[in-house]
């Protein structure tokens, strides 16, 4: 992450990356269910790992999960 960005900018960027990875993960999961193509399964796993990574970074940056 670029240190010249403010904390809020970093959070915003990570939220976007997380949402994109999550959407791609869901898309490839559905596609793999239809086609059975192993490449779709690999892409699903890649985006699932990416979404988890971004979510972990977001949680650390925000200082944990806050319940409202």
PDB file of N, CA and C in Angstrom:
ATOM      1  N   UNK A   1       0.843  -1.173   0.000  1.00  0.00           N
ATOM      2  CA  UNK A   1       0.000   0.000   0.000  1.00  0.00           C
ATOM      3  C   UNK A   1       0.891   1.240   0.000  1.00  0.00           C
ATOM      4  N   UNK A   2       0.527   2.220  -0.748  1.00  0.00           N
ATOM      5  CA  UNK A   2       1.294   3.452  -0.854  1.00  0.00           C
ATOM      6  C   UNK A   2       1.175   4.252   0.436  1.00  0.00           C
ATOM      7  N   UNK A   3       2.320   4.569   1.061  1.00  0.00           N
ATOM      8  CA  UNK A   3       2.315   5.272   2.345  1.00  0.00           C
ATOM      9  C   UNK A   3       1.897   6.731   2.210  1.00  0.00           C
ATOM     10  N   UNK A   4       1.946   7.288   0.993  1.00  0.00           N
ATOM     11  CA  UNK A   4       1.553   8.684   0.823  1.00  0.00           C
ATOM     12  C   UNK A   4       0.033   8.846   0.822  1.00  0.00           C
ATOM     13  N   UNK A   5      -0.692   7.750   0.696  1.00  0.00           N
ATOM     14  CA  UNK A   5      -2.155   7.798   0.749  1.00  0.00           C
ATOM     15  C   UNK A   5      -2.598   7.938   2.199  1.00  0.00           C
ATOM     16  N   UNK A   6      -3.689   8.640   2.397  1.00  0.00           N
ATOM     17  CA  UNK A   6      -4.249   8.725   3.739  1.00  0.00           C
ATOM     18  C   UNK A   6      -4.856   7.377   4.110  1.00  0.00           C
ATOM     19  N   UNK A   7      -5.099   7.206   5.392  1.00  0.00           N
ATOM     20  CA  UNK A   7      -5.696   5.952   5.854  1.00  0.00           C
ATOM     21  C   UNK A   7      -7.057   5.745   5.196  1.00  0.00           C
ATOM     22  N   UNK A   8      -7.839   6.814   5.065  1.00  0.00           N
ATOM     23  CA  UNK A   8      -9.159   6.688   4.452  1.00  0.00           C
ATOM     24  C   UNK A   8      -9.041   6.305   2.978  1.00  0.00           C
ATOM     25  N   UNK A   9      -8.049   6.844   2.271  1.00  0.00           N
ATOM     26  CA  UNK A   9      -7.840   6.476   0.872  1.00  0.00           C
ATOM     27  C   UNK A   9      -7.458   5.002   0.755  1.00  0.00           C
ATOM     28  N   UNK A  10      -6.619   4.533   1.670  1.00  0.00           N
ATOM     29  CA  UNK A  10      -6.231   3.124   1.669  1.00  0.00           C
ATOM     30  C   UNK A  10      -7.445   2.235   1.911  1.00  0.00           C
ATOM     31  N   UNK A  11      -8.291   2.637   2.856  1.00  0.00           N
ATOM     32  CA  UNK A  11      -9.508   1.874   3.147  1.00  0.00           C
ATOM     33  C   UNK A  11     -10.414   1.844   1.927  1.00  0.00           C
ATOM     34  N   UNK A  12     -10.598   3.001   1.290  1.00  0.00           N
ATOM     35  CA  UNK A  12     -11.456   3.067   0.100  1.00  0.00           C
ATOM     36  C   UNK A  12     -10.942   2.158  -1.009  1.00  0.00           C
ATOM     37  N   UNK A  13      -9.635   2.182  -1.247  1.00  0.00           N
ATOM     38  CA  UNK A  13      -9.035   1.351  -2.288  1.00  0.00           C
ATOM     39  C   UNK A  13      -9.197  -0.138  -1.968  1.00  0.00           C
ATOM     40  N   UNK A  14      -8.951  -0.504  -0.719  1.00  0.00           N
ATOM     41  CA  UNK A  14      -9.101  -1.906  -0.329  1.00  0.00           C
ATOM     42  C   UNK A  14     -10.550  -2.365  -0.433  1.00  0.00           C
ATOM     43  N   UNK A  15     -11.490  -1.491  -0.101  1.00  0.00           N
ATOM     44  CA  UNK A  15     -12.908  -1.854  -0.212  1.00  0.00           C
ATOM     45  C   UNK A  15     -13.287  -2.127  -1.664  1.00  0.00           C
ATOM     46  N   UNK A  16     -12.762  -1.315  -2.572  1.00  0.00           N
ATOM     47  CA  UNK A  16     -13.028  -1.531  -3.998  1.00  0.00           C
ATOM     48  C   UNK A  16     -12.421  -2.855  -4.449  1.00  0.00           C
ATOM     49  N   UNK A  17     -11.164  -3.089  -4.089  1.00  0.00           N
ATOM     50  CA  UNK A  17     -10.497  -4.333  -4.482  1.00  0.00           C
ATOM     51  C   UNK A  17     -11.212  -5.552  -3.905  1.00  0.00           C
ATOM     52  N   UNK A  18     -11.663  -5.428  -2.658  1.00  0.00           N
ATOM     53  CA  UNK A  18     -12.393  -6.528  -2.025  1.00  0.00           C
ATOM     54  C   UNK A  18     -13.696  -6.821  -2.767  1.00  0.00           C
ATOM     55  N   UNK A  19     -14.449  -5.786  -3.086  1.00  0.00           N
ATOM     56  CA  UNK A  19     -15.731  -5.977  -3.777  1.00  0.00           C
ATOM     57  C   UNK A  19     -15.536  -6.593  -5.167  1.00  0.00           C
ATOM     58  N   UNK A  20     -14.508  -6.153  -5.881  1.00  0.00           N
ATOM     59  CA  UNK A  20     -14.226  -6.706  -7.213  1.00  0.00           C
ATOM     60  C   UNK A  20     -13.829  -8.183  -7.099  1.00  0.00           C
ATOM     61  N   UNK A  21     -12.953  -8.494  -6.155  1.00  0.00           N
ATOM     62  CA  UNK A  21     -12.527  -9.889  -5.975  1.00  0.00           C
ATOM     63  C   UNK A  21     -13.712 -10.765  -5.571  1.00  0.00           C
ATOM     64  N   UNK A  22     -14.569 -10.245  -4.699  1.00  0.00           N
ATOM     65  CA  UNK A  22     -15.743 -11.009  -4.256  1.00  0.00           C
ATOM     66  C   UNK A  22     -16.702 -11.263  -5.422  1.00  0.00           C
ATOM     67  N   UNK A  23     -16.926 -10.232  -6.232  1.00  0.00           N
ATOM     68  CA  UNK A  23     -17.818 -10.390  -7.391  1.00  0.00           C
ATOM     69  C   UNK A  23     -17.244 -11.403  -8.383  1.00  0.00           C
ATOM     70  N   UNK A  24     -15.939 -11.308  -8.660  1.00  0.00           N
ATOM     71  CA  UNK A  24     -15.301 -12.257  -9.579  1.00  0.00           C
ATOM     72  C   UNK A  24     -15.343 -13.678  -9.021  1.00  0.00           C
ATOM     73  N   UNK A  25     -15.144 -13.805  -7.721  1.00  0.00           N
ATOM     74  CA  UNK A  25     -15.210 -15.116  -7.070  1.00  0.00           C
ATOM     75  C   UNK A  25     -16.592 -15.729  -7.274  1.00  0.00           C
ATOM     76  N   UNK A  26     -17.631 -14.964  -7.016  1.00  0.00           N
ATOM     77  CA  UNK A  26     -18.998 -15.464  -7.190  1.00  0.00           C
ATOM     78  C   UNK A  26     -19.286 -15.812  -8.645  1.00  0.00           C
ATOM     79  N   UNK A  27     -18.783 -14.991  -9.555  1.00  0.00           N
ATOM     80  CA  UNK A  27     -19.007 -15.219 -10.977  1.00  0.00           C
ATOM     81  C   UNK A  27     -18.366 -16.530 -11.438  1.00  0.00           C
ATOM     82  N   UNK A  28     -17.112 -16.742 -11.044  1.00  0.00           N
ATOM     83  CA  UNK A  28     -16.422 -17.966 -11.466  1.00  0.00           C
ATOM     84  C   UNK A  28     -16.961 -19.196 -10.746  1.00  0.00           C
ATOM     85  N   UNK A  29     -17.466 -19.024  -9.542  1.00  0.00           N
ATOM     86  CA  UNK A  29     -18.101 -20.138  -8.843  1.00  0.00           C
ATOM     87  C   UNK A  29     -19.338 -20.603  -9.609  1.00  0.00           C
ATOM     88  N   UNK A  30     -20.164 -19.655 -10.020  1.00  0.00           N
ATOM     89  CA  UNK A  30     -21.370 -19.995 -10.788  1.00  0.00           C
ATOM     90  C   UNK A  30     -20.999 -20.601 -12.140  1.00  0.00           C
ATOM     91  N   UNK A  31     -19.977 -20.032 -12.762  1.00  0.00           N
ATOM     92  CA  UNK A  31     -19.554 -20.532 -14.067  1.00  0.00           C
ATOM     93  C   UNK A  31     -19.011 -21.958 -13.961  1.00  0.00           C
ATOM     94  N   UNK A  32     -18.220 -22.218 -12.908  1.00  0.00           N
ATOM     95  CA  UNK A  32     -17.688 -23.570 -12.712  1.00  0.00           C
ATOM     96  C   UNK A  32     -18.826 -24.559 -12.466  1.00  0.00           C
ATOM     97  N   UNK A  33     -19.847 -24.129 -11.737  1.00  0.00           N
ATOM     98  CA  UNK A  33     -21.000 -25.003 -11.486  1.00  0.00           C
ATOM     99  C   UNK A  33     -21.687 -25.395 -12.790  1.00  0.00           C
ATOM    100  N   UNK A  34     -21.729 -24.467 -13.726  1.00  0.00           N
ATOM    101  CA  UNK A  34     -22.382 -24.741 -15.017  1.00  0.00           C
ATOM    102  C   UNK A  34     -21.501 -25.561 -15.944  1.00  0.00           C
ATOM    103  N   UNK A  35     -20.213 -25.211 -16.025  1.00  0.00           N
ATOM    104  CA  UNK A  35     -19.346 -25.793 -17.054  1.00  0.00           C
ATOM    105  C   UNK A  35     -18.494 -26.958 -16.564  1.00  0.00           C
ATOM    106  N   UNK A  36     -18.116 -26.941 -15.288  1.00  0.00           N
ATOM    107  CA  UNK A  36     -17.199 -27.956 -14.781  1.00  0.00           C
ATOM    108  C   UNK A  36     -15.772 -27.748 -15.257  1.00  0.00           C
ATOM    109  N   UNK A  37     -15.497 -26.589 -15.855  1.00  0.00           N
ATOM    110  CA  UNK A  37     -14.173 -26.280 -16.392  1.00  0.00           C
ATOM    111  C   UNK A  37     -13.180 -26.055 -15.238  1.00  0.00           C
ATOM    112  N   UNK A  38     -12.080 -26.826 -15.194  1.00  0.00           N
ATOM    113  CA  UNK A  38     -11.097 -26.661 -14.117  1.00  0.00           C
ATOM    114  C   UNK A  38     -10.479 -25.260 -14.066  1.00  0.00           C
ATOM    115  N   UNK A  39     -10.368 -24.592 -15.213  1.00  0.00           N
ATOM    116  CA  UNK A  39      -9.827 -23.228 -15.213  1.00  0.00           C
ATOM    117  C   UNK A  39     -10.735 -22.285 -14.435  1.00  0.00           C
ATOM    118  N   UNK A  40     -12.051 -22.487 -14.550  1.00  0.00           N
ATOM    119  CA  UNK A  40     -12.990 -21.658 -13.792  1.00  0.00           C
ATOM    120  C   UNK A  40     -12.841 -21.907 -12.297  1.00  0.00           C
ATOM    121  N   UNK A  41     -12.558 -23.159 -11.929  1.00  0.00           N
ATOM    122  CA  UNK A  41     -12.349 -23.473 -10.517  1.00  0.00           C
ATOM    123  C   UNK A  41     -11.071 -22.800 -10.009  1.00  0.00           C
ATOM    124  N   UNK A  42     -10.011 -22.809 -10.828  1.00  0.00           N
ATOM    125  CA  UNK A  42      -8.765 -22.145 -10.437  1.00  0.00           C
ATOM    126  C   UNK A  42      -8.984 -20.649 -10.258  1.00  0.00           C
ATOM    127  N   UNK A  43      -9.733 -20.051 -11.167  1.00  0.00           N
ATOM    128  CA  UNK A  43     -10.009 -18.616 -11.063  1.00  0.00           C
ATOM    129  C   UNK A  43     -10.854 -18.315  -9.828  1.00  0.00           C
ATOM    130  N   UNK A  44     -11.817 -19.190  -9.562  1.00  0.00           N
ATOM    131  CA  UNK A  44     -12.634 -19.034  -8.355  1.00  0.00           C
ATOM    132  C   UNK A  44     -11.735 -19.033  -7.115  1.00  0.00           C
ATOM    133  N   UNK A  45     -10.828 -20.001  -7.033  1.00  0.00           N
ATOM    134  CA  UNK A  45      -9.924 -20.094  -5.879  1.00  0.00           C
ATOM    135  C   UNK A  45      -9.016 -18.872  -5.781  1.00  0.00           C
ATOM    136  N   UNK A  46      -8.524 -18.397  -6.913  1.00  0.00           N
ATOM    137  CA  UNK A  46      -7.666 -17.212  -6.927  1.00  0.00           C
ATOM    138  C   UNK A  46      -8.404 -16.008  -6.346  1.00  0.00           C
ATOM    139  N   UNK A  47      -9.626 -15.767  -6.826  1.00  0.00           N
ATOM    140  CA  UNK A  47     -10.372 -14.598  -6.363  1.00  0.00           C
ATOM    141  C   UNK A  47     -10.868 -14.768  -4.930  1.00  0.00           C
ATOM    142  N   UNK A  48     -11.127 -16.001  -4.511  1.00  0.00           N
ATOM    143  CA  UNK A  48     -11.504 -16.237  -3.114  1.00  0.00           C
ATOM    144  C   UNK A  48     -10.334 -15.887  -2.196  1.00  0.00           C
ATOM    145  N   UNK A  49      -9.125 -16.302  -2.581  1.00  0.00           N
ATOM    146  CA  UNK A  49      -7.933 -15.964  -1.798  1.00  0.00           C
ATOM    147  C   UNK A  49      -7.693 -14.457  -1.784  1.00  0.00           C
ATOM    148  N   UNK A  50      -7.888 -13.815  -2.937  1.00  0.00           N
ATOM    149  CA  UNK A  50      -7.695 -12.365  -3.020  1.00  0.00           C
ATOM    150  C   UNK A  50      -8.703 -11.639  -2.134  1.00  0.00           C
ATOM    151  N   UNK A  51      -9.959 -12.067  -2.172  1.00  0.00           N
ATOM    152  CA  UNK A  51     -10.990 -11.431  -1.346  1.00  0.00           C
ATOM    153  C   UNK A  51     -10.654 -11.584   0.135  1.00  0.00           C
ATOM    154  N   UNK A  52     -10.198 -12.760   0.525  1.00  0.00           N
ATOM    155  CA  UNK A  52      -9.821 -12.995   1.923  1.00  0.00           C
ATOM    156  C   UNK A  52      -8.652 -12.097   2.322  1.00  0.00           C
ATOM    157  N   UNK A  53      -7.671 -11.970   1.442  1.00  0.00           N
ATOM    158  CA  UNK A  53      -6.512 -11.120   1.707  1.00  0.00           C
ATOM    159  C   UNK A  53      -6.936  -9.663   1.912  1.00  0.00           C
ATOM    160  N   UNK A  54      -7.772  -9.149   1.003  1.00  0.00           N
ATOM    161  CA  UNK A  54      -8.211  -7.760   1.112  1.00  0.00           C
ATOM    162  C   UNK A  54      -9.079  -7.545   2.346  1.00  0.00           C
ATOM    163  N   UNK A  55      -9.912  -8.509   2.684  1.00  0.00           N
ATOM    164  CA  UNK A  55     -10.749  -8.388   3.873  1.00  0.00           C
ATOM    165  C   UNK A  55      -9.889  -8.359   5.135  1.00  0.00           C
ATOM    166  N   UNK A  56      -8.849  -9.199   5.181  1.00  0.00           N
ATOM    167  CA  UNK A  56      -7.939  -9.188   6.329  1.00  0.00           C
ATOM    168  C   UNK A  56      -7.217  -7.851   6.445  1.00  0.00           C
ATOM    169  N   UNK A  57      -6.766  -7.303   5.316  1.00  0.00           N
ATOM    170  CA  UNK A  57      -6.097  -6.006   5.349  1.00  0.00           C
ATOM    171  C   UNK A  57      -7.043  -4.909   5.817  1.00  0.00           C
ATOM    172  N   UNK A  58      -8.280  -4.955   5.329  1.00  0.00           N
ATOM    173  CA  UNK A  58      -9.280  -3.973   5.752  1.00  0.00           C
ATOM    174  C   UNK A  58      -9.525  -4.055   7.249  1.00  0.00           C
ATOM    175  N   UNK A  59      -9.650  -5.258   7.758  1.00  0.00           N
ATOM    176  CA  UNK A  59      -9.902  -5.453   9.187  1.00  0.00           C
ATOM    177  C   UNK A  59      -8.756  -4.887  10.012  1.00  0.00           C
ATOM    178  N   UNK A  60      -7.525  -5.140   9.589  1.00  0.00           N
ATOM    179  CA  UNK A  60      -6.361  -4.606  10.300  1.00  0.00           C
ATOM    180  C   UNK A  60      -6.328  -3.087  10.238  1.00  0.00           C
ATOM    181  N   UNK A  61      -6.601  -2.545   9.070  1.00  0.00           N
ATOM    182  CA  UNK A  61      -6.532  -1.100   8.879  1.00  0.00           C
ATOM    183  C   UNK A  61      -7.618  -0.376   9.672  1.00  0.00           C
ATOM    184  N   UNK A  62      -8.777  -0.992   9.745  1.00  0.00           N
ATOM    185  CA  UNK A  62      -9.886  -0.373  10.477  1.00  0.00           C
ATOM    186  C   UNK A  62      -9.792  -0.625  11.979  1.00  0.00           C
ATOM    187  N   UNK A  63      -8.840  -1.445  12.389  1.00  0.00           N
ATOM    188  CA  UNK A  63      -8.665  -1.696  13.814  1.00  0.00           C
ATOM    189  C   UNK A  63      -9.603  -2.743  14.372  1.00  0.00           C
ATOM    190  N   UNK A  64      -9.926  -3.723  13.582  1.00  0.00           N
ATOM    191  CA  UNK A  64     -10.811  -4.793  14.035  1.00  0.00           C
ATOM    192  C   UNK A  64     -12.234  -4.570  13.592  1.00  0.00           C
ATOM    193  N   UNK A  65     -13.064  -5.519  13.941  1.00  0.00           N
ATOM    194  CA  UNK A  65     -14.474  -5.450  13.562  1.00  0.00           C
ATOM    195  C   UNK A  65     -15.240  -4.743  14.668  1.00  0.00           C
ATOM    196  N   UNK A  66     -16.023  -3.776  14.293  1.00  0.00           N
ATOM    197  CA  UNK A  66     -16.849  -3.043  15.253  1.00  0.00           C
ATOM    198  C   UNK A  66     -18.304  -3.395  15.002  1.00  0.00           C
ATOM    199  N   UNK A  67     -18.981  -3.834  16.024  1.00  0.00           N
ATOM    200  CA  UNK A  67     -20.394  -4.189  15.918  1.00  0.00           C
ATOM    201  C   UNK A  67     -21.230  -2.962  16.225  1.00  0.00           C
ATOM    202  N   UNK A  68     -22.235  -2.721  15.424  1.00  0.00           N
ATOM    203  CA  UNK A  68     -23.095  -1.546  15.621  1.00  0.00           C
ATOM    204  C   UNK A  68     -24.440  -1.970  16.143  1.00  0.00           C
TER     205      UNK A  68
END
